[in-house]
Amino acid sequence: MNLKIALFGIAREIVGQPVLEVSAPEGQSAQGLLHDLHARYPELARLTSLAVAVNNEYAADDTLLQERDEIALIPPVSGG
């Protein structure tokens, strides 16, 4: 299946584009997606945290992804 992933903040800078399109096997989990992205973009693995959101909700590691899902990578944020 083909997934479109919106990227924000430092994740966007690391990948070099605001939206990433990847091919993933049916039944791919959010954790599996992160694992694949860490292999493809090792700098992402160095972030202290990187959350996956699916359809505007933070996704648990075992959340199964569907081709029509709205997926986003949310890097750590700082503020004061």
PDB file of N, CA and C in Angstrom:
ATOM      1  N   MET A   1       0.848  -1.176   0.000  1.00  0.00           N
ATOM      2  CA  MET A   1       0.000   0.000   0.000  1.00  0.00           C
ATOM      3  C   MET A   1       0.890   1.235   0.000  1.00  0.00           C
ATOM      4  N   ASN A   2       0.358   2.342  -0.495  1.00  0.00           N
ATOM      5  CA  ASN A   2       1.092   3.600  -0.536  1.00  0.00           C
ATOM      6  C   ASN A   2       0.592   4.504   0.581  1.00  0.00           C
ATOM      7  N   LEU A   3       1.539   5.069   1.318  1.00  0.00           N
ATOM      8  CA  LEU A   3       1.201   5.960   2.429  1.00  0.00           C
ATOM      9  C   LEU A   3       1.771   7.343   2.165  1.00  0.00           C
ATOM     10  N   LYS A   4       0.997   8.362   2.504  1.00  0.00           N
ATOM     11  CA  LYS A   4       1.475   9.743   2.473  1.00  0.00           C
ATOM     12  C   LYS A   4       1.651  10.184   3.922  1.00  0.00           C
ATOM     13  N   ILE A   5       2.836  10.718   4.207  1.00  0.00           N
ATOM     14  CA  ILE A   5       3.173  11.097   5.574  1.00  0.00           C
ATOM     15  C   ILE A   5       3.532  12.572   5.594  1.00  0.00           C
ATOM     16  N   ALA A   6       2.800  13.347   6.379  1.00  0.00           N
ATOM     17  CA  ALA A   6       3.121  14.759   6.553  1.00  0.00           C
ATOM     18  C   ALA A   6       4.251  14.870   7.571  1.00  0.00           C
ATOM     19  N   LEU A   7       5.210  15.721   7.283  1.00  0.00           N
ATOM     20  CA  LEU A   7       6.378  15.889   8.145  1.00  0.00           C
ATOM     21  C   LEU A   7       6.410  17.304   8.702  1.00  0.00           C
ATOM     22  N   PHE A   8       6.792  17.412   9.961  1.00  0.00           N
ATOM     23  CA  PHE A   8       6.830  18.712  10.620  1.00  0.00           C
ATOM     24  C   PHE A   8       8.177  18.921  11.298  1.00  0.00           C
ATOM     25  N   GLY A   9       8.533  20.200  11.482  1.00  0.00           N
ATOM     26  CA  GLY A   9       9.730  20.569  12.237  1.00  0.00           C
ATOM     27  C   GLY A   9      10.996  19.916  11.724  1.00  0.00           C
ATOM     28  N   ILE A  10      11.773  19.391  12.667  1.00  0.00           N
ATOM     29  CA  ILE A  10      13.066  18.804  12.326  1.00  0.00           C
ATOM     30  C   ILE A  10      12.914  17.579  11.433  1.00  0.00           C
ATOM     31  N   ALA A  11      11.807  16.850  11.535  1.00  0.00           N
ATOM     32  CA  ALA A  11      11.589  15.686  10.660  1.00  0.00           C
ATOM     33  C   ALA A  11      11.525  16.143   9.200  1.00  0.00           C
ATOM     34  N   ARG A  12      10.871  17.263   8.967  1.00  0.00           N
ATOM     35  CA  ARG A  12      10.794  17.824   7.611  1.00  0.00           C
ATOM     36  C   ARG A  12      12.187  18.216   7.124  1.00  0.00           C
ATOM     37  N   GLU A  13      12.978  18.809   8.007  1.00  0.00           N
ATOM     38  CA  GLU A  13      14.333  19.216   7.632  1.00  0.00           C
ATOM     39  C   GLU A  13      15.208  18.013   7.308  1.00  0.00           C
ATOM     40  N   ILE A  14      15.091  16.956   8.094  1.00  0.00           N
ATOM     41  CA  ILE A  14      15.907  15.759   7.874  1.00  0.00           C
ATOM     42  C   ILE A  14      15.568  15.104   6.540  1.00  0.00           C
ATOM     43  N   VAL A  15      14.284  14.958   6.264  1.00  0.00           N
ATOM     44  CA  VAL A  15      13.848  14.290   5.037  1.00  0.00           C
ATOM     45  C   VAL A  15      13.995  15.205   3.821  1.00  0.00           C
ATOM     46  N   GLY A  16      13.851  16.510   4.036  1.00  0.00           N
ATOM     47  CA  GLY A  16      14.042  17.459   2.950  1.00  0.00           C
ATOM     48  C   GLY A  16      12.797  17.761   2.148  1.00  0.00           C
ATOM     49  N   GLN A  17      11.639  17.389   2.669  1.00  0.00           N
ATOM     50  CA  GLN A  17      10.378  17.689   1.992  1.00  0.00           C
ATOM     51  C   GLN A  17       9.239  17.629   3.008  1.00  0.00           C
ATOM     52  N   PRO A  18       8.130  18.316   2.717  1.00  0.00           N
ATOM     53  CA  PRO A  18       7.021  18.381   3.679  1.00  0.00           C
ATOM     54  C   PRO A  18       6.134  17.139   3.701  1.00  0.00           C
ATOM     55  N   VAL A  19       6.127  16.381   2.609  1.00  0.00           N
ATOM     56  CA  VAL A  19       5.301  15.175   2.526  1.00  0.00           C
ATOM     57  C   VAL A  19       6.155  14.059   1.939  1.00  0.00           C
ATOM     58  N   LEU A  20       6.074  12.904   2.559  1.00  0.00           N
ATOM     59  CA  LEU A  20       6.827  11.744   2.106  1.00  0.00           C
ATOM     60  C   LEU A  20       5.840  10.672   1.671  1.00  0.00           C
ATOM     61  N   GLU A  21       6.063  10.096   0.515  1.00  0.00           N
ATOM     62  CA  GLU A  21       5.238   8.988   0.043  1.00  0.00           C
ATOM     63  C   GLU A  21       6.077   7.729   0.083  1.00  0.00           C
ATOM     64  N   VAL A  22       5.566   6.707   0.788  1.00  0.00           N
ATOM     65  CA  VAL A  22       6.293   5.450   0.921  1.00  0.00           C
ATOM     66  C   VAL A  22       5.374   4.283   0.609  1.00  0.00           C
ATOM     67  N   SER A  23       5.971   3.208   0.197  1.00  0.00           N
ATOM     68  CA  SER A  23       5.245   1.963  -0.012  1.00  0.00           C
ATOM     69  C   SER A  23       5.447   1.118   1.240  1.00  0.00           C
ATOM     70  N   ALA A  24       4.356   0.537   1.739  1.00  0.00           N
ATOM     71  CA  ALA A  24       4.411  -0.274   2.952  1.00  0.00           C
ATOM     72  C   ALA A  24       3.555  -1.514   2.760  1.00  0.00           C
ATOM     73  N   PRO A  25       3.897  -2.591   3.448  1.00  0.00           N
ATOM     74  CA  PRO A  25       3.082  -3.799   3.323  1.00  0.00           C
ATOM     75  C   PRO A  25       1.725  -3.619   4.003  1.00  0.00           C
ATOM     76  N   GLU A  26       0.728  -4.341   3.535  1.00  0.00           N
ATOM     77  CA  GLU A  26      -0.577  -4.335   4.191  1.00  0.00           C
ATOM     78  C   GLU A  26      -0.374  -4.755   5.645  1.00  0.00           C
ATOM     79  N   GLY A  27      -1.104  -4.129   6.556  1.00  0.00           N
ATOM     80  CA  GLY A  27      -0.991  -4.478   7.966  1.00  0.00           C
ATOM     81  C   GLY A  27       0.194  -3.842   8.671  1.00  0.00           C
ATOM     82  N   GLN A  28       0.843  -2.875   8.028  1.00  0.00           N
ATOM     83  CA  GLN A  28       1.973  -2.177   8.646  1.00  0.00           C
ATOM     84  C   GLN A  28       1.496  -1.444   9.893  1.00  0.00           C
ATOM     85  N   SER A  29       2.247  -1.533  10.961  1.00  0.00           N
ATOM     86  CA  SER A  29       1.913  -0.824  12.196  1.00  0.00           C
ATOM     87  C   SER A  29       2.645   0.516  12.234  1.00  0.00           C
ATOM     88  N   ALA A  30       2.208   1.382  13.144  1.00  0.00           N
ATOM     89  CA  ALA A  30       2.891   2.664  13.325  1.00  0.00           C
ATOM     90  C   ALA A  30       4.346   2.434  13.724  1.00  0.00           C
ATOM     91  N   GLN A  31       4.580   1.467  14.595  1.00  0.00           N
ATOM     92  CA  GLN A  31       5.944   1.154  15.022  1.00  0.00           C
ATOM     93  C   GLN A  31       6.773   0.623  13.849  1.00  0.00           C
ATOM     94  N   GLY A  32       6.169  -0.215  13.011  1.00  0.00           N
ATOM     95  CA  GLY A  32       6.864  -0.727  11.838  1.00  0.00           C
ATOM     96  C   GLY A  32       7.230   0.376  10.864  1.00  0.00           C
ATOM     97  N   LEU A  33       6.320   1.336  10.709  1.00  0.00           N
ATOM     98  CA  LEU A  33       6.598   2.485   9.845  1.00  0.00           C
ATOM     99  C   LEU A  33       7.799   3.265  10.378  1.00  0.00           C
ATOM    100  N   LEU A  34       7.811   3.539  11.680  1.00  0.00           N
ATOM    101  CA  LEU A  34       8.943   4.261  12.265  1.00  0.00           C
ATOM    102  C   LEU A  34      10.244   3.492  12.062  1.00  0.00           C
ATOM    103  N   HIS A  35      10.212   2.193  12.256  1.00  0.00           N
ATOM    104  CA  HIS A  35      11.404   1.364  12.067  1.00  0.00           C
ATOM    105  C   HIS A  35      11.921   1.511  10.637  1.00  0.00           C
ATOM    106  N   ASP A  36      11.020   1.429   9.674  1.00  0.00           N
ATOM    107  CA  ASP A  36      11.417   1.573   8.269  1.00  0.00           C
ATOM    108  C   ASP A  36      11.978   2.965   7.976  1.00  0.00           C
ATOM    109  N   LEU A  37      11.353   3.986   8.542  1.00  0.00           N
ATOM    110  CA  LEU A  37      11.826   5.356   8.312  1.00  0.00           C
ATOM    111  C   LEU A  37      13.172   5.599   8.983  1.00  0.00           C
ATOM    112  N   HIS A  38      13.401   4.997  10.149  1.00  0.00           N
ATOM    113  CA  HIS A  38      14.709   5.127  10.810  1.00  0.00           C
ATOM    114  C   HIS A  38      15.803   4.499   9.958  1.00  0.00           C
ATOM    115  N   ALA A  39      15.492   3.378   9.295  1.00  0.00           N
ATOM    116  CA  ALA A  39      16.478   2.734   8.424  1.00  0.00           C
ATOM    117  C   ALA A  39      16.760   3.591   7.197  1.00  0.00           C
ATOM    118  N   ARG A  40      15.725   4.220   6.684  1.00  0.00           N
ATOM    119  CA  ARG A  40      15.865   5.035   5.469  1.00  0.00           C
ATOM    120  C   ARG A  40      16.480   6.405   5.764  1.00  0.00           C
ATOM    121  N   TYR A  41      16.160   6.953   6.919  1.00  0.00           N
ATOM    122  CA  TYR A  41      16.663   8.272   7.339  1.00  0.00           C
ATOM    123  C   TYR A  41      17.234   8.143   8.750  1.00  0.00           C
ATOM    124  N   PRO A  42      18.491   7.697   8.889  1.00  0.00           N
ATOM    125  CA  PRO A  42      19.078   7.442  10.211  1.00  0.00           C
ATOM    126  C   PRO A  42      19.038   8.641  11.164  1.00  0.00           C
ATOM    127  N   GLU A  43      19.040   9.845  10.639  1.00  0.00           N
ATOM    128  CA  GLU A  43      18.972  11.032  11.510  1.00  0.00           C
ATOM    129  C   GLU A  43      17.660  11.069  12.296  1.00  0.00           C
ATOM    130  N   LEU A  44      16.590  10.506  11.749  1.00  0.00           N
ATOM    131  CA  LEU A  44      15.318  10.459  12.489  1.00  0.00           C
ATOM    132  C   LEU A  44      15.458   9.634  13.756  1.00  0.00           C
ATOM    133  N   ALA A  45      16.275   8.590  13.716  1.00  0.00           N
ATOM    134  CA  ALA A  45      16.462   7.716  14.878  1.00  0.00           C
ATOM    135  C   ALA A  45      17.189   8.433  16.013  1.00  0.00           C
ATOM    136  N   ARG A  46      17.854   9.511  15.712  1.00  0.00           N
ATOM    137  CA  ARG A  46      18.596  10.252  16.736  1.00  0.00           C
ATOM    138  C   ARG A  46      17.716  11.226  17.516  1.00  0.00           C
ATOM    139  N   LEU A  47      16.501  11.444  17.069  1.00  0.00           N
ATOM    140  CA  LEU A  47      15.594  12.344  17.789  1.00  0.00           C
ATOM    141  C   LEU A  47      15.182  11.704  19.110  1.00  0.00           C
ATOM    142  N   THR A  48      15.009  12.525  20.129  1.00  0.00           N
ATOM    143  CA  THR A  48      14.648  11.995  21.452  1.00  0.00           C
ATOM    144  C   THR A  48      13.261  11.371  21.456  1.00  0.00           C
ATOM    145  N   SER A  49      12.403  11.858  20.600  1.00  0.00           N
ATOM    146  CA  SER A  49      11.085  11.243  20.432  1.00  0.00           C
ATOM    147  C   SER A  49      10.566  11.621  19.054  1.00  0.00           C
ATOM    148  N   LEU A  50       9.724  10.778  18.539  1.00  0.00           N
ATOM    149  CA  LEU A  50       9.097  11.039  17.250  1.00  0.00           C
ATOM    150  C   LEU A  50       7.759  10.317  17.281  1.00  0.00           C
ATOM    151  N   ALA A  51       6.693  11.075  17.363  1.00  0.00           N
ATOM    152  CA  ALA A  51       5.356  10.489  17.469  1.00  0.00           C
ATOM    153  C   ALA A  51       4.739  10.328  16.086  1.00  0.00           C
ATOM    154  N   VAL A  52       3.919   9.304  15.967  1.00  0.00           N
ATOM    155  CA  VAL A  52       3.144   9.089  14.754  1.00  0.00           C
ATOM    156  C   VAL A  52       1.702   9.441  15.082  1.00  0.00           C
ATOM    157  N   ALA A  53       1.107  10.283  14.257  1.00  0.00           N
ATOM    158  CA  ALA A  53      -0.317  10.602  14.395  1.00  0.00           C
ATOM    159  C   ALA A  53      -1.044  10.002  13.196  1.00  0.00           C
ATOM    160  N   VAL A  54      -2.190   9.410  13.475  1.00  0.00           N
ATOM    161  CA  VAL A  54      -3.013   8.815  12.419  1.00  0.00           C
ATOM    162  C   VAL A  54      -4.413   9.397  12.552  1.00  0.00           C
ATOM    163  N   ASN A  55      -4.865  10.047  11.492  1.00  0.00           N
ATOM    164  CA  ASN A  55      -6.196  10.661  11.482  1.00  0.00           C
ATOM    165  C   ASN A  55      -6.396  11.609  12.667  1.00  0.00           C
ATOM    166  N   ASN A  56      -5.387  12.462  12.867  1.00  0.00           N
ATOM    167  CA  ASN A  56      -5.415  13.528  13.883  1.00  0.00           C
ATOM    168  C   ASN A  56      -5.396  13.034  15.318  1.00  0.00           C
ATOM    169  N   GLU A  57      -4.924  11.803  15.554  1.00  0.00           N
ATOM    170  CA  GLU A  57      -4.792  11.260  16.910  1.00  0.00           C
ATOM    171  C   GLU A  57      -3.409  10.626  17.029  1.00  0.00           C
ATOM    172  N   TYR A  58      -2.789  10.783  18.210  1.00  0.00           N
ATOM    173  CA  TYR A  58      -1.535  10.073  18.421  1.00  0.00           C
ATOM    174  C   TYR A  58      -1.799   8.586  18.310  1.00  0.00           C
ATOM    175  N   ALA A  59      -0.911   7.873  17.624  1.00  0.00           N
ATOM    176  CA  ALA A  59      -1.109   6.443  17.372  1.00  0.00           C
ATOM    177  C   ALA A  59      -0.276   5.610  18.333  1.00  0.00           C
ATOM    178  N   ALA A  60      -0.875   4.538  18.840  1.00  0.00           N
ATOM    179  CA  ALA A  60      -0.135   3.551  19.623  1.00  0.00           C
ATOM    180  C   ALA A  60       0.785   2.790  18.677  1.00  0.00           C
ATOM    181  N   ASP A  61       1.834   2.183  19.229  1.00  0.00           N
ATOM    182  CA  ASP A  61       2.785   1.442  18.399  1.00  0.00           C
ATOM    183  C   ASP A  61       2.120   0.372  17.548  1.00  0.00           C
ATOM    184  N   ASP A  62       1.066  -0.257  18.080  1.00  0.00           N
ATOM    185  CA  ASP A  62       0.434  -1.365  17.371  1.00  0.00           C
ATOM    186  C   ASP A  62      -0.727  -0.933  16.467  1.00  0.00           C
ATOM    187  N   THR A  63      -0.926   0.377  16.299  1.00  0.00           N
ATOM    188  CA  THR A  63      -1.973   0.866  15.398  1.00  0.00           C
ATOM    189  C   THR A  63      -1.660   0.430  13.974  1.00  0.00           C
ATOM    190  N   LEU A  64      -2.612  -0.226  13.332  1.00  0.00           N
ATOM    191  CA  LEU A  64      -2.422  -0.669  11.955  1.00  0.00           C
ATOM    192  C   LEU A  64      -2.790   0.463  10.998  1.00  0.00           C
ATOM    193  N   LEU A  65      -1.948   0.672  10.017  1.00  0.00           N
ATOM    194  CA  LEU A  65      -2.133   1.764   9.070  1.00  0.00           C
ATOM    195  C   LEU A  65      -2.918   1.299   7.852  1.00  0.00           C
ATOM    196  N   GLN A  66      -3.709   2.212   7.329  1.00  0.00           N
ATOM    197  CA  GLN A  66      -4.490   1.973   6.115  1.00  0.00           C
ATOM    198  C   GLN A  66      -4.053   2.985   5.058  1.00  0.00           C
ATOM    199  N   GLU A  67      -4.238   2.641   3.802  1.00  0.00           N
ATOM    200  CA  GLU A  67      -3.766   3.497   2.717  1.00  0.00           C
ATOM    201  C   GLU A  67      -4.385   4.894   2.750  1.00  0.00           C
ATOM    202  N   ARG A  68      -5.609   5.028   3.183  1.00  0.00           N
ATOM    203  CA  ARG A  68      -6.278   6.339   3.173  1.00  0.00           C
ATOM    204  C   ARG A  68      -6.099   7.138   4.465  1.00  0.00           C
ATOM    205  N   ASP A  69      -5.325   6.616   5.407  1.00  0.00           N
ATOM    206  CA  ASP A  69      -5.096   7.325   6.664  1.00  0.00           C
ATOM    207  C   ASP A  69      -4.323   8.620   6.430  1.00  0.00           C
ATOM    208  N   GLU A  70      -4.606   9.604   7.258  1.00  0.00           N
ATOM    209  CA  GLU A  70      -3.796  10.819   7.307  1.00  0.00           C
ATOM    210  C   GLU A  70      -2.728  10.577   8.360  1.00  0.00           C
ATOM    211  N   ILE A  71      -1.487  10.481   7.912  1.00  0.00           N
ATOM    212  CA  ILE A  71      -0.383  10.129   8.797  1.00  0.00           C
ATOM    213  C   ILE A  71       0.552  11.328   8.908  1.00  0.00           C
ATOM    214  N   ALA A  72       1.028  11.578  10.125  1.00  0.00           N
ATOM    215  CA  ALA A  72       1.978  12.669  10.345  1.00  0.00           C
ATOM    216  C   ALA A  72       3.061  12.213  11.322  1.00  0.00           C
ATOM    217  N   LEU A  73       4.271  12.704  11.112  1.00  0.00           N
ATOM    218  CA  LEU A  73       5.350  12.509  12.064  1.00  0.00           C
ATOM    219  C   LEU A  73       5.516  13.787  12.854  1.00  0.00           C
ATOM    220  N   ILE A  74       5.441  13.649  14.162  1.00  0.00           N
ATOM    221  CA  ILE A  74       5.498  14.816  15.028  1.00  0.00           C
ATOM    222  C   ILE A  74       6.764  14.717  15.879  1.00  0.00           C
ATOM    223  N   PRO A  75       7.741  15.582  15.602  1.00  0.00           N
ATOM    224  CA  PRO A  75       9.001  15.556  16.358  1.00  0.00           C
ATOM    225  C   PRO A  75       8.830  16.210  17.724  1.00  0.00           C
ATOM    226  N   PRO A  76       9.866  16.112  18.554  1.00  0.00           N
ATOM    227  CA  PRO A  76       9.792  16.778  19.852  1.00  0.00           C
ATOM    228  C   PRO A  76       9.654  18.293  19.660  1.00  0.00           C
ATOM    229  N   VAL A  77       8.928  18.914  20.564  1.00  0.00           N
ATOM    230  CA  VAL A  77       8.755  20.368  20.517  1.00  0.00           C
ATOM    231  C   VAL A  77       9.258  20.959  21.817  1.00  0.00           C
ATOM    232  N   SER A  78       9.806  22.140  21.727  1.00  0.00           N
ATOM    233  CA  SER A  78      10.224  22.823  22.942  1.00  0.00           C
ATOM    234  C   SER A  78       9.514  24.149  23.018  1.00  0.00           C
ATOM    235  N   GLY A  79       9.394  24.621  24.187  1.00  0.00           N
ATOM    236  CA  GLY A  79       8.725  25.906  24.377  1.00  0.00           C
ATOM    237  C   GLY A  79       9.041  26.425  25.759  1.00  0.00           C
ATOM    238  N   GLY A  80       8.523  27.563  26.000  1.00  0.00           N
ATOM    239  CA  GLY A  80       8.837  28.126  27.310  1.00  0.00           C
ATOM    240  C   GLY A  80       7.742  29.024  27.785  1.00  0.00           C
TER     241      GLY A  80
END
